[in-house]
PDB file of N, CA and C in Angstrom:
ATOM      1  N   MET A   1      22.475  29.083 -55.922  1.00  0.00           N
ATOM      2  CA  MET A   1      22.484  29.136 -54.372  1.00  0.00           C
ATOM      3  C   MET A   1      21.155  29.705 -54.070  1.00  0.00           C
ATOM      4  N   GLY A   2      20.369  29.149 -53.341  1.00  0.00           N
ATOM      5  CA  GLY A   2      19.205  29.381 -52.777  1.00  0.00           C
ATOM      6  C   GLY A   2      19.216  30.325 -51.745  1.00  0.00           C
ATOM      7  N   LEU A   3      17.605  30.976 -51.536  1.00  0.00           N
ATOM      8  CA  LEU A   3      17.618  32.099 -50.557  1.00  0.00           C
ATOM      9  C   LEU A   3      18.325  31.711 -49.173  1.00  0.00           C
ATOM     10  N   ASN A   4      17.622  30.524 -48.789  1.00  0.00           N
ATOM     11  CA  ASN A   4      18.034  29.976 -47.346  1.00  0.00           C
ATOM     12  C   ASN A   4      19.385  29.925 -47.201  1.00  0.00           C
ATOM     13  N   THR A   5      20.141  29.470 -48.208  1.00  0.00           N
ATOM     14  CA  THR A   5      21.749  29.420 -48.058  1.00  0.00           C
ATOM     15  C   THR A   5      22.321  30.964 -48.117  1.00  0.00           C
ATOM     16  N   LYS A   6      21.725  31.543 -48.770  1.00  0.00           N
ATOM     17  CA  LYS A   6      22.287  33.054 -48.538  1.00  0.00           C
ATOM     18  C   LYS A   6      22.037  33.714 -47.344  1.00  0.00           C
ATOM     19  N   LYS A   7      20.871  33.495 -46.748  1.00  0.00           N
ATOM     20  CA  LYS A   7      20.453  33.951 -45.592  1.00  0.00           C
ATOM     21  C   LYS A   7      21.280  33.468 -44.579  1.00  0.00           C
ATOM     22  N   ASN A   8      21.649  31.943 -44.610  1.00  0.00           N
ATOM     23  CA  ASN A   8      22.381  31.562 -43.686  1.00  0.00           C
ATOM     24  C   ASN A   8      23.953  32.121 -43.341  1.00  0.00           C
ATOM     25  N   ILE A   9      24.377  32.159 -44.747  1.00  0.00           N
ATOM     26  CA  ILE A   9      25.673  32.728 -44.941  1.00  0.00           C
ATOM     27  C   ILE A   9      26.034  34.148 -44.206  1.00  0.00           C
ATOM     28  N   VAL A  10      24.763  35.029 -44.391  1.00  0.00           N
ATOM     29  CA  VAL A  10      24.848  36.307 -43.896  1.00  0.00           C
ATOM     30  C   VAL A  10      24.618  36.198 -42.270  1.00  0.00           C
ATOM     31  N   LEU A  11      23.809  35.374 -41.745  1.00  0.00           N
ATOM     32  CA  LEU A  11      23.885  35.164 -40.425  1.00  0.00           C
ATOM     33  C   LEU A  11      25.160  34.708 -39.784  1.00  0.00           C
ATOM     34  N   ILE A  12      25.631  33.791 -40.488  1.00  0.00           N
ATOM     35  CA  ILE A  12      26.904  33.386 -39.804  1.00  0.00           C
ATOM     36  C   ILE A  12      27.895  34.403 -39.955  1.00  0.00           C
ATOM     37  N   ILE A  13      28.078  35.270 -41.000  1.00  0.00           N
ATOM     38  CA  ILE A  13      29.156  36.281 -40.996  1.00  0.00           C
ATOM     39  C   ILE A  13      28.851  37.323 -39.739  1.00  0.00           C
ATOM     40  N   SER A  14      27.641  37.557 -39.691  1.00  0.00           N
ATOM     41  CA  SER A  14      27.268  38.614 -38.627  1.00  0.00           C
ATOM     42  C   SER A  14      27.784  37.992 -37.316  1.00  0.00           C
ATOM     43  N   ALA A  15      27.092  36.612 -36.994  1.00  0.00           N
ATOM     44  CA  ALA A  15      27.607  36.173 -35.729  1.00  0.00           C
ATOM     45  C   ALA A  15      28.917  35.962 -35.520  1.00  0.00           C
ATOM     46  N   ILE A  16      29.873  35.748 -36.440  1.00  0.00           N
ATOM     47  CA  ILE A  16      31.367  35.540 -36.343  1.00  0.00           C
ATOM     48  C   ILE A  16      31.778  37.066 -35.802  1.00  0.00           C
ATOM     49  N   PHE A  17      31.406  38.026 -36.653  1.00  0.00           N
ATOM     50  CA  PHE A  17      31.763  39.356 -36.122  1.00  0.00           C
ATOM     51  C   PHE A  17      31.305  39.798 -34.803  1.00  0.00           C
ATOM     52  N   LEU A  18      30.171  39.464 -34.212  1.00  0.00           N
ATOM     53  CA  LEU A  18      29.599  39.701 -32.932  1.00  0.00           C
ATOM     54  C   LEU A  18      30.498  38.879 -31.822  1.00  0.00           C
ATOM     55  N   ILE A  19      30.734  37.759 -32.318  1.00  0.00           N
ATOM     56  CA  ILE A  19      31.333  36.773 -31.293  1.00  0.00           C
ATOM     57  C   ILE A  19      32.922  37.338 -31.050  1.00  0.00           C
ATOM     58  N   SER A  20      33.607  37.770 -32.264  1.00  0.00           N
ATOM     59  CA  SER A  20      34.910  38.556 -32.395  1.00  0.00           C
ATOM     60  C   SER A  20      34.967  39.888 -31.514  1.00  0.00           C
ATOM     61  N   ALA A  21      33.889  40.557 -31.512  1.00  0.00           N
ATOM     62  CA  ALA A  21      33.914  41.734 -30.682  1.00  0.00           C
ATOM     63  C   ALA A  21      33.760  41.626 -29.133  1.00  0.00           C
ATOM     64  N   LEU A  22      33.642  40.366 -28.749  1.00  0.00           N
ATOM     65  CA  LEU A  22      33.712  39.912 -27.430  1.00  0.00           C
ATOM     66  C   LEU A  22      35.308  39.994 -26.796  1.00  0.00           C
ATOM     67  N   LEU A  23      36.054  39.572 -27.788  1.00  0.00           N
ATOM     68  CA  LEU A  23      37.460  39.642 -27.501  1.00  0.00           C
ATOM     69  C   LEU A  23      37.871  41.030 -27.176  1.00  0.00           C
ATOM     70  N   GLU A  24      38.929  41.430 -26.491  1.00  0.00           N
ATOM     71  CA  GLU A  24      39.598  42.468 -26.119  1.00  0.00           C
ATOM     72  C   GLU A  24      40.490  42.883 -27.084  1.00  0.00           C
ATOM     73  N   GLY A  25      40.713  44.159 -27.212  1.00  0.00           N
ATOM     74  CA  GLY A  25      41.974  44.732 -27.989  1.00  0.00           C
ATOM     75  C   GLY A  25      41.699  45.110 -29.338  1.00  0.00           C
ATOM     76  N   TRP A  26      40.279  45.181 -29.808  1.00  0.00           N
ATOM     77  CA  TRP A  26      39.932  45.659 -31.014  1.00  0.00           C
ATOM     78  C   TRP A  26      40.232  47.229 -31.102  1.00  0.00           C
ATOM     79  N   ALA A  27      40.400  47.716 -32.369  1.00  0.00           N
ATOM     80  CA  ALA A  27      40.343  49.204 -32.451  1.00  0.00           C
ATOM     81  C   ALA A  27      39.032  49.500 -32.831  1.00  0.00           C
ATOM     82  N   TYR A  28      38.714  50.919 -32.583  1.00  0.00           N
ATOM     83  CA  TYR A  28      37.642  51.771 -32.907  1.00  0.00           C
ATOM     84  C   TYR A  28      36.952  51.358 -34.272  1.00  0.00           C
ATOM     85  N   GLY A  29      37.701  51.003 -35.100  1.00  0.00           N
ATOM     86  CA  GLY A  29      37.352  50.880 -36.615  1.00  0.00           C
ATOM     87  C   GLY A  29      36.819  49.631 -36.730  1.00  0.00           C
ATOM     88  N   PHE A  30      37.201  48.572 -35.877  1.00  0.00           N
ATOM     89  CA  PHE A  30      36.479  47.265 -35.850  1.00  0.00           C
ATOM     90  C   PHE A  30      35.135  47.378 -35.711  1.00  0.00           C
ATOM     91  N   PHE A  31      34.810  48.171 -34.544  1.00  0.00           N
ATOM     92  CA  PHE A  31      33.432  48.295 -34.146  1.00  0.00           C
ATOM     93  C   PHE A  31      32.627  49.152 -35.200  1.00  0.00           C
ATOM     94  N   THR A  32      33.085  49.860 -35.858  1.00  0.00           N
ATOM     95  CA  THR A  32      32.456  50.698 -37.069  1.00  0.00           C
ATOM     96  C   THR A  32      32.137  49.464 -37.738  1.00  0.00           C
ATOM     97  N   LEU A  33      33.138  48.919 -38.268  1.00  0.00           N
ATOM     98  CA  LEU A  33      32.677  47.620 -39.593  1.00  0.00           C
ATOM     99  C   LEU A  33      31.770  46.795 -38.906  1.00  0.00           C
ATOM    100  N   LEU A  34      31.958  46.555 -37.561  1.00  0.00           N
ATOM    101  CA  LEU A  34      30.818  45.762 -37.126  1.00  0.00           C
ATOM    102  C   LEU A  34      29.569  46.105 -37.071  1.00  0.00           C
ATOM    103  N   ARG A  35      29.429  47.338 -36.798  1.00  0.00           N
ATOM    104  CA  ARG A  35      28.035  47.962 -37.051  1.00  0.00           C
ATOM    105  C   ARG A  35      27.488  47.823 -38.243  1.00  0.00           C
ATOM    106  N   CYS A  36      28.614  48.074 -39.390  1.00  0.00           N
ATOM    107  CA  CYS A  36      28.091  48.151 -40.718  1.00  0.00           C
ATOM    108  C   CYS A  36      27.666  46.649 -41.153  1.00  0.00           C
ATOM    109  N   VAL A  37      28.478  45.683 -40.841  1.00  0.00           N
ATOM    110  CA  VAL A  37      28.119  44.481 -41.170  1.00  0.00           C
ATOM    111  C   VAL A  37      26.785  43.933 -40.529  1.00  0.00           C
ATOM    112  N   VAL A  38      26.519  44.087 -39.244  1.00  0.00           N
ATOM    113  CA  VAL A  38      25.432  43.656 -38.733  1.00  0.00           C
ATOM    114  C   VAL A  38      24.090  44.329 -39.158  1.00  0.00           C
ATOM    115  N   PHE A  39      24.197  45.696 -39.276  1.00  0.00           N
ATOM    116  CA  PHE A  39      23.172  46.593 -39.856  1.00  0.00           C
ATOM    117  C   PHE A  39      22.905  45.954 -41.136  1.00  0.00           C
ATOM    118  N   GLY A  40      23.807  45.889 -42.071  1.00  0.00           N
ATOM    119  CA  GLY A  40      23.546  45.440 -43.406  1.00  0.00           C
ATOM    120  C   GLY A  40      22.757  44.067 -43.514  1.00  0.00           C
ATOM    121  N   SER A  41      23.398  43.222 -42.716  1.00  0.00           N
ATOM    122  CA  SER A  41      22.814  41.962 -42.865  1.00  0.00           C
ATOM    123  C   SER A  41      21.170  41.958 -42.188  1.00  0.00           C
ATOM    124  N   SER A  42      21.112  42.713 -40.928  1.00  0.00           N
ATOM    125  CA  SER A  42      19.878  42.855 -40.348  1.00  0.00           C
ATOM    126  C   SER A  42      18.938  43.449 -41.351  1.00  0.00           C
ATOM    127  N   ALA A  43      19.354  44.366 -41.959  1.00  0.00           N
ATOM    128  CA  ALA A  43      18.319  45.074 -43.041  1.00  0.00           C
ATOM    129  C   ALA A  43      17.997  44.159 -44.172  1.00  0.00           C
ATOM    130  N   TYR A  44      18.867  43.472 -44.466  1.00  0.00           N
ATOM    131  CA  TYR A  44      18.749  42.517 -45.613  1.00  0.00           C
ATOM    132  C   TYR A  44      17.569  41.384 -45.317  1.00  0.00           C
ATOM    133  N   LEU A  45      17.966  41.129 -44.020  1.00  0.00           N
ATOM    134  CA  LEU A  45      16.973  39.809 -43.300  1.00  0.00           C
ATOM    135  C   LEU A  45      15.467  40.481 -43.057  1.00  0.00           C
ATOM    136  N   THR A  46      15.434  41.586 -42.650  1.00  0.00           N
ATOM    137  CA  THR A  46      14.233  42.339 -42.409  1.00  0.00           C
ATOM    138  C   THR A  46      13.497  42.538 -43.684  1.00  0.00           C
ATOM    139  N   TRP A  47      14.155  42.936 -44.725  1.00  0.00           N
ATOM    140  CA  TRP A  47      13.469  42.798 -46.048  1.00  0.00           C
ATOM    141  C   TRP A  47      13.106  41.497 -46.696  1.00  0.00           C
ATOM    142  N   LEU A  48      13.969  40.253 -46.554  1.00  0.00           N
ATOM    143  CA  LEU A  48      13.463  38.957 -46.756  1.00  0.00           C
ATOM    144  C   LEU A  48      12.341  38.614 -45.979  1.00  0.00           C
ATOM    145  N   ALA A  49      12.472  38.917 -44.810  1.00  0.00           N
ATOM    146  CA  ALA A  49      11.150  38.358 -43.684  1.00  0.00           C
ATOM    147  C   ALA A  49      10.004  39.370 -44.181  1.00  0.00           C
ATOM    148  N   HIS A  50      10.073  40.610 -44.645  1.00  0.00           N
ATOM    149  CA  HIS A  50       8.792  41.481 -44.949  1.00  0.00           C
ATOM    150  C   HIS A  50       8.352  40.838 -46.279  1.00  0.00           C
ATOM    151  N   LYS A  51       9.270  40.324 -47.306  1.00  0.00           N
ATOM    152  CA  LYS A  51       8.832  40.117 -48.821  1.00  0.00           C
ATOM    153  C   LYS A  51       8.006  38.939 -48.862  1.00  0.00           C
ATOM    154  N   TYR A  52       8.640  37.834 -47.801  1.00  0.00           N
ATOM    155  CA  TYR A  52       7.869  36.536 -47.896  1.00  0.00           C
ATOM    156  C   TYR A  52       7.012  36.419 -46.668  1.00  0.00           C
ATOM    157  N   GLU A  53       6.693  37.431 -45.817  1.00  0.00           N
ATOM    158  CA  GLU A  53       5.617  37.349 -44.948  1.00  0.00           C
ATOM    159  C   GLU A  53       6.129  36.352 -43.928  1.00  0.00           C
ATOM    160  N   THR A  54       7.140  36.373 -43.062  1.00  0.00           N
ATOM    161  CA  THR A  54       7.413  35.313 -42.526  1.00  0.00           C
ATOM    162  C   THR A  54       7.232  35.415 -40.882  1.00  0.00           C
ATOM    163  N   GLY A  55       6.220  36.216 -40.637  1.00  0.00           N
ATOM    164  CA  GLY A  55       5.872  36.448 -39.322  1.00  0.00           C
ATOM    165  C   GLY A  55       6.528  37.807 -38.631  1.00  0.00           C
ATOM    166  N   ASP A  56       6.928  37.625 -37.425  1.00  0.00           N
ATOM    167  CA  ASP A  56       7.472  38.688 -36.537  1.00  0.00           C
ATOM    168  C   ASP A  56       8.714  38.734 -36.881  1.00  0.00           C
ATOM    169  N   TRP A  57       9.394  38.084 -37.621  1.00  0.00           N
ATOM    170  CA  TRP A  57      11.029  38.031 -37.967  1.00  0.00           C
ATOM    171  C   TRP A  57      11.399  39.293 -38.525  1.00  0.00           C
ATOM    172  N   ARG A  58      10.498  40.214 -39.201  1.00  0.00           N
ATOM    173  CA  ARG A  58      10.925  41.338 -39.716  1.00  0.00           C
ATOM    174  C   ARG A  58      11.215  42.447 -38.550  1.00  0.00           C
ATOM    175  N   TRP A  59      10.224  42.299 -37.409  1.00  0.00           N
ATOM    176  CA  TRP A  59      10.384  43.253 -36.419  1.00  0.00           C
ATOM    177  C   TRP A  59      11.747  43.067 -35.471  1.00  0.00           C
ATOM    178  N   ILE A  60      12.113  41.884 -35.280  1.00  0.00           N
ATOM    179  CA  ILE A  60      13.164  41.588 -34.648  1.00  0.00           C
ATOM    180  C   ILE A  60      14.431  41.833 -35.411  1.00  0.00           C
ATOM    181  N   PHE A  61      14.520  41.578 -36.485  1.00  0.00           N
ATOM    182  CA  PHE A  61      15.780  42.003 -37.477  1.00  0.00           C
ATOM    183  C   PHE A  61      15.754  43.502 -37.689  1.00  0.00           C
ATOM    184  N   GLY A  62      14.709  44.093 -37.793  1.00  0.00           N
ATOM    185  CA  GLY A  62      14.644  45.472 -37.957  1.00  0.00           C
ATOM    186  C   GLY A  62      15.083  46.156 -36.543  1.00  0.00           C
ATOM    187  N   PHE A  63      14.808  45.755 -35.442  1.00  0.00           N
ATOM    188  CA  PHE A  63      15.278  46.326 -34.246  1.00  0.00           C
ATOM    189  C   PHE A  63      16.559  46.137 -34.264  1.00  0.00           C
ATOM    190  N   ILE A  64      17.141  44.914 -34.738  1.00  0.00           N
ATOM    191  CA  ILE A  64      18.814  44.554 -34.452  1.00  0.00           C
ATOM    192  C   ILE A  64      19.254  45.703 -35.686  1.00  0.00           C
ATOM    193  N   ALA A  65      18.833  46.020 -36.689  1.00  0.00           N
ATOM    194  CA  ALA A  65      19.275  47.005 -37.629  1.00  0.00           C
ATOM    195  C   ALA A  65      19.207  48.435 -37.216  1.00  0.00           C
ATOM    196  N   LEU A  66      18.300  48.800 -36.252  1.00  0.00           N
ATOM    197  CA  LEU A  66      18.394  50.047 -35.784  1.00  0.00           C
ATOM    198  C   LEU A  66      19.088  50.078 -34.680  1.00  0.00           C
ATOM    199  N   LEU A  67      19.565  48.970 -34.081  1.00  0.00           N
ATOM    200  CA  LEU A  67      20.429  49.266 -32.789  1.00  0.00           C
ATOM    201  C   LEU A  67      21.868  48.961 -33.250  1.00  0.00           C
ATOM    202  N   PHE A  68      22.309  48.558 -34.540  1.00  0.00           N
ATOM    203  CA  PHE A  68      23.652  48.806 -35.072  1.00  0.00           C
ATOM    204  C   PHE A  68      23.595  49.520 -36.007  1.00  0.00           C
ATOM    205  N   ASN A  69      22.864  50.614 -36.216  1.00  0.00           N
ATOM    206  CA  ASN A  69      22.860  51.608 -37.354  1.00  0.00           C
ATOM    207  C   ASN A  69      24.109  52.520 -37.152  1.00  0.00           C
ATOM    208  N   PRO A  70      24.862  52.255 -38.152  1.00  0.00           N
ATOM    209  CA  PRO A  70      25.985  53.019 -38.288  1.00  0.00           C
ATOM    210  C   PRO A  70      26.263  54.451 -38.381  1.00  0.00           C
ATOM    211  N   MET A  71      24.940  54.847 -39.090  1.00  0.00           N
ATOM    212  CA  MET A  71      24.717  56.258 -39.552  1.00  0.00           C
ATOM    213  C   MET A  71      24.086  57.289 -38.137  1.00  0.00           C
ATOM    214  N   ILE A  72      23.488  56.650 -37.183  1.00  0.00           N
ATOM    215  CA  ILE A  72      22.902  57.264 -36.169  1.00  0.00           C
ATOM    216  C   ILE A  72      23.230  56.495 -35.033  1.00  0.00           C
ATOM    217  N   PRO A  73      24.523  56.259 -34.594  1.00  0.00           N
ATOM    218  CA  PRO A  73      24.772  55.135 -33.737  1.00  0.00           C
ATOM    219  C   PRO A  73      24.257  55.395 -32.288  1.00  0.00           C
ATOM    220  N   ILE A  74      24.015  54.224 -31.619  1.00  0.00           N
ATOM    221  CA  ILE A  74      23.544  54.294 -30.180  1.00  0.00           C
ATOM    222  C   ILE A  74      24.618  54.036 -29.244  1.00  0.00           C
ATOM    223  N   TYR A  75      25.085  55.091 -28.332  1.00  0.00           N
ATOM    224  CA  TYR A  75      26.232  54.992 -27.645  1.00  0.00           C
ATOM    225  C   TYR A  75      25.802  54.390 -26.178  1.00  0.00           C
ATOM    226  N   LEU A  76      26.534  53.402 -25.954  1.00  0.00           N
ATOM    227  CA  LEU A  76      26.341  52.611 -24.383  1.00  0.00           C
ATOM    228  C   LEU A  76      27.695  52.151 -24.024  1.00  0.00           C
ATOM    229  N   TYR A  77      27.713  51.926 -22.856  1.00  0.00           N
ATOM    230  CA  TYR A  77      28.756  51.546 -22.218  1.00  0.00           C
ATOM    231  C   TYR A  77      29.249  50.104 -22.601  1.00  0.00           C
ATOM    232  N   ARG A  78      30.783  50.075 -22.685  1.00  0.00           N
ATOM    233  CA  ARG A  78      31.378  48.844 -23.308  1.00  0.00           C
ATOM    234  C   ARG A  78      30.671  47.410 -22.407  1.00  0.00           C
ATOM    235  N   GLU A  79      30.624  47.630 -21.304  1.00  0.00           N
ATOM    236  CA  GLU A  79      29.882  46.413 -20.579  1.00  0.00           C
ATOM    237  C   GLU A  79      28.481  45.909 -21.259  1.00  0.00           C
ATOM    238  N   LEU A  80      27.640  46.782 -21.324  1.00  0.00           N
ATOM    239  CA  LEU A  80      26.377  46.749 -22.080  1.00  0.00           C
ATOM    240  C   LEU A  80      26.242  46.068 -23.642  1.00  0.00           C
ATOM    241  N   TRP A  81      27.519  46.713 -24.191  1.00  0.00           N
ATOM    242  CA  TRP A  81      27.587  46.105 -25.740  1.00  0.00           C
ATOM    243  C   TRP A  81      28.160  44.739 -25.440  1.00  0.00           C
ATOM    244  N   VAL A  82      28.730  44.326 -24.826  1.00  0.00           N
ATOM    245  CA  VAL A  82      29.367  42.855 -24.764  1.00  0.00           C
ATOM    246  C   VAL A  82      28.090  42.100 -24.497  1.00  0.00           C
ATOM    247  N   ILE A  83      27.327  42.488 -23.585  1.00  0.00           N
ATOM    248  CA  ILE A  83      25.927  41.660 -23.307  1.00  0.00           C
ATOM    249  C   ILE A  83      25.172  41.469 -24.450  1.00  0.00           C
ATOM    250  N   ILE A  84      24.924  42.714 -25.185  1.00  0.00           N
ATOM    251  CA  ILE A  84      24.202  42.939 -26.487  1.00  0.00           C
ATOM    252  C   ILE A  84      24.667  41.986 -27.639  1.00  0.00           C
ATOM    253  N   ASP A  85      26.089  42.347 -27.924  1.00  0.00           N
ATOM    254  CA  ASP A  85      26.880  41.572 -28.918  1.00  0.00           C
ATOM    255  C   ASP A  85      26.519  40.014 -28.686  1.00  0.00           C
ATOM    256  N   PHE A  86      26.656  39.552 -27.437  1.00  0.00           N
ATOM    257  CA  PHE A  86      26.580  38.072 -27.140  1.00  0.00           C
ATOM    258  C   PHE A  86      25.043  37.534 -27.492  1.00  0.00           C
ATOM    259  N   LEU A  87      24.173  38.288 -26.741  1.00  0.00           N
ATOM    260  CA  LEU A  87      22.702  37.856 -26.967  1.00  0.00           C
ATOM    261  C   LEU A  87      22.464  37.948 -28.403  1.00  0.00           C
ATOM    262  N   VAL A  88      22.706  38.963 -29.245  1.00  0.00           N
ATOM    263  CA  VAL A  88      22.288  39.203 -30.718  1.00  0.00           C
ATOM    264  C   VAL A  88      23.138  37.901 -31.493  1.00  0.00           C
ATOM    265  N   ALA A  89      24.477  37.654 -31.292  1.00  0.00           N
ATOM    266  CA  ALA A  89      24.891  36.635 -31.759  1.00  0.00           C
ATOM    267  C   ALA A  89      24.352  35.056 -31.420  1.00  0.00           C
ATOM    268  N   VAL A  90      23.962  35.000 -30.372  1.00  0.00           N
ATOM    269  CA  VAL A  90      23.166  33.731 -30.221  1.00  0.00           C
ATOM    270  C   VAL A  90      21.950  33.724 -30.856  1.00  0.00           C
ATOM    271  N   PHE A  91      21.240  34.817 -30.852  1.00  0.00           N
ATOM    272  CA  PHE A  91      19.925  35.042 -31.759  1.00  0.00           C
ATOM    273  C   PHE A  91      20.130  34.698 -33.351  1.00  0.00           C
ATOM    274  N   LEU A  92      21.271  35.157 -33.867  1.00  0.00           N
ATOM    275  CA  LEU A  92      21.545  34.962 -35.004  1.00  0.00           C
ATOM    276  C   LEU A  92      21.749  33.490 -35.299  1.00  0.00           C
ATOM    277  N   ILE A  93      22.558  33.136 -34.536  1.00  0.00           N
ATOM    278  CA  ILE A  93      22.765  31.563 -34.734  1.00  0.00           C
ATOM    279  C   ILE A  93      21.544  30.762 -34.568  1.00  0.00           C
ATOM    280  N   ILE A  94      20.663  31.011 -33.739  1.00  0.00           N
ATOM    281  CA  ILE A  94      19.595  30.039 -33.662  1.00  0.00           C
ATOM    282  C   ILE A  94      18.494  30.340 -34.912  1.00  0.00           C
ATOM    283  N   SER A  95      18.566  31.935 -35.424  1.00  0.00           N
ATOM    284  CA  SER A  95      17.872  32.093 -36.654  1.00  0.00           C
ATOM    285  C   SER A  95      18.439  31.166 -37.628  1.00  0.00           C
ATOM    286  N   ILE A  96      19.368  30.617 -37.636  1.00  0.00           N
ATOM    287  CA  ILE A  96      19.723  29.690 -39.109  1.00  0.00           C
ATOM    288  C   ILE A  96      19.022  28.781 -38.947  1.00  0.00           C
ATOM    289  N   PHE A  97      18.499  28.311 -38.091  1.00  0.00           N
ATOM    290  CA  PHE A  97      17.639  27.066 -37.834  1.00  0.00           C
ATOM    291  C   PHE A  97      16.149  27.321 -37.818  1.00  0.00           C
ATOM    292  N   ALA A  98      15.834  28.453 -37.094  1.00  0.00           N
ATOM    293  CA  ALA A  98      14.425  28.845 -36.993  1.00  0.00           C
ATOM    294  C   ALA A  98      13.808  29.604 -38.029  1.00  0.00           C
ATOM    295  N   PHE A  99      14.558  30.429 -38.761  1.00  0.00           N
ATOM    296  CA  PHE A  99      14.056  31.471 -39.764  1.00  0.00           C
ATOM    297  C   PHE A  99      14.174  30.824 -40.981  1.00  0.00           C
ATOM    298  N   LYS A 100      13.093  30.130 -41.548  1.00  0.00           N
ATOM    299  CA  LYS A 100      13.283  29.258 -42.815  1.00  0.00           C
ATOM    300  C   LYS A 100      12.301  30.135 -43.887  1.00  0.00           C
ATOM    301  N   LEU A 101      12.815  30.058 -45.130  1.00  0.00           N
ATOM    302  CA  LEU A 101      11.782  30.558 -46.007  1.00  0.00           C
ATOM    303  C   LEU A 101      11.343  29.395 -46.715  1.00  0.00           C
ATOM    304  N   PRO A 102      10.171  29.573 -47.433  1.00  0.00           N
ATOM    305  CA  PRO A 102       9.408  28.479 -47.965  1.00  0.00           C
ATOM    306  C   PRO A 102      10.059  27.866 -49.174  1.00  0.00           C
ATOM    307  N   GLU A 103      10.124  26.499 -49.298  1.00  0.00           N
ATOM    308  CA  GLU A 103      10.846  25.950 -50.196  1.00  0.00           C
ATOM    309  C   GLU A 103      10.588  26.134 -51.608  1.00  0.00           C
ATOM    310  N   GLU A 104       9.456  26.699 -51.889  1.00  0.00           N
ATOM    311  CA  GLU A 104       9.014  27.050 -53.496  1.00  0.00           C
ATOM    312  C   GLU A 104       9.897  28.200 -53.615  1.00  0.00           C
ATOM    313  N   ILE A 105      10.088  29.039 -52.702  1.00  0.00           N
ATOM    314  CA  ILE A 105      10.726  30.488 -52.771  1.00  0.00           C
ATOM    315  C   ILE A 105      12.449  30.196 -52.693  1.00  0.00           C
ATOM    316  N   GLU A 106      12.699  29.064 -52.199  1.00  0.00           N
ATOM    317  CA  GLU A 106      14.234  28.672 -51.958  1.00  0.00           C
ATOM    318  C   GLU A 106      14.758  28.442 -53.454  1.00  0.00           C
ATOM    319  N   ASN A 107      13.729  27.824 -54.357  1.00  0.00           N
ATOM    320  CA  ASN A 107      14.075  27.803 -55.835  1.00  0.00           C
ATOM    321  C   ASN A 107      13.736  28.628 -56.899  1.00  0.00           C
ATOM    322  N   GLU A 108      13.038  29.694 -56.481  1.00  0.00           N
ATOM    323  CA  GLU A 108      12.557  30.743 -57.055  1.00  0.00           C
ATOM    324  C   GLU A 108      13.545  31.511 -58.181  1.00  0.00           C
ATOM    325  N   SER A 109      14.891  31.786 -57.532  1.00  0.00           N
ATOM    326  CA  SER A 109      15.627  32.366 -58.565  1.00  0.00           C
ATOM    327  C   SER A 109      16.179  31.672 -59.577  1.00  0.00           C
ATOM    328  N   LEU A 110      15.958  30.176 -59.732  1.00  0.00           N
ATOM    329  CA  LEU A 110      16.391  29.226 -60.894  1.00  0.00           C
ATOM    330  C   LEU A 110      15.113  29.358 -61.582  1.00  0.00           C
ATOM    331  N   THR A 111      14.212  29.195 -61.457  1.00  0.00           N
ATOM    332  CA  THR A 111      12.723  29.050 -61.970  1.00  0.00           C
ATOM    333  C   THR A 111      12.701  30.280 -62.951  1.00  0.00           C
ATOM    334  N   ASN A 112      12.862  31.418 -62.166  1.00  0.00           N
ATOM    335  CA  ASN A 112      12.413  32.847 -62.958  1.00  0.00           C
ATOM    336  C   ASN A 112      13.463  33.041 -63.764  1.00  0.00           C
ATOM    337  N   ASN A 113      14.817  32.619 -63.793  1.00  0.00           N
ATOM    338  CA  ASN A 113      15.961  33.279 -64.465  1.00  0.00           C
ATOM    339  C   ASN A 113      15.576  32.740 -65.935  1.00  0.00           C
ATOM    340  N   PRO A 114      15.640  33.697 -66.885  1.00  0.00           N
ATOM    341  CA  PRO A 114      15.343  33.308 -68.495  1.00  0.00           C
ATOM    342  C   PRO A 114      16.612  32.397 -68.822  1.00  0.00           C
ATOM    343  N   ARG A 115      17.845  32.654 -68.544  1.00  0.00           N
ATOM    344  CA  ARG A 115      18.840  31.650 -68.931  1.00  0.00           C
ATOM    345  C   ARG A 115      18.642  30.109 -68.674  1.00  0.00           C
ATOM    346  N   TRP A 116      18.163  30.090 -67.344  1.00  0.00           N
ATOM    347  CA  TRP A 116      17.687  28.759 -67.032  1.00  0.00           C
ATOM    348  C   TRP A 116      16.752  28.010 -67.900  1.00  0.00           C
ATOM    349  N   LYS A 117      15.725  28.776 -68.340  1.00  0.00           N
ATOM    350  CA  LYS A 117      14.661  28.106 -68.857  1.00  0.00           C
ATOM    351  C   LYS A 117      15.173  27.893 -70.505  1.00  0.00           C
ATOM    352  N   GLU A 118      15.892  28.749 -70.871  1.00  0.00           N
ATOM    353  CA  GLU A 118      16.592  28.451 -72.381  1.00  0.00           C
ATOM    354  C   GLU A 118      17.446  27.332 -72.322  1.00  0.00           C
ATOM    355  N   GLY A 119      18.124  27.103 -71.103  1.00  0.00           N
ATOM    356  CA  GLY A 119      18.766  25.754 -71.268  1.00  0.00           C
ATOM    357  C   GLY A 119      20.290  26.280 -71.345  1.00  0.00           C
ATOM    358  N   VAL A 120      20.593  27.842 -71.133  1.00  0.00           N
ATOM    359  CA  VAL A 120      22.124  28.141 -71.348  1.00  0.00           C
ATOM    360  C   VAL A 120      22.735  27.956 -70.194  1.00  0.00           C
TER     361      VAL A 120
END
């Protein structure tokens, strides 16, 4: 599985959580889990964007990671979180198509794997 595929899976999972948060009736624990998922995925995407030098993406994903940080949470009104959740979900869905890693990096995990070179 290439890095772009892994990136897309992470983006989709986070977007699903954010869209689910727009529905009423969730317990407080769900929002804590939401923060952990979005924080973790945004931190991973920040690292990918930094590692492969893909422009300003690292700053955008870094800001999202800070916003959803579960260890030092930012407390806002529910109405404001609904808007933020929706906007971030839309951004993450757009990122599936706009945030691409170079093709040679896509296959890097296979070519650098010693088991792949041995034919095992």
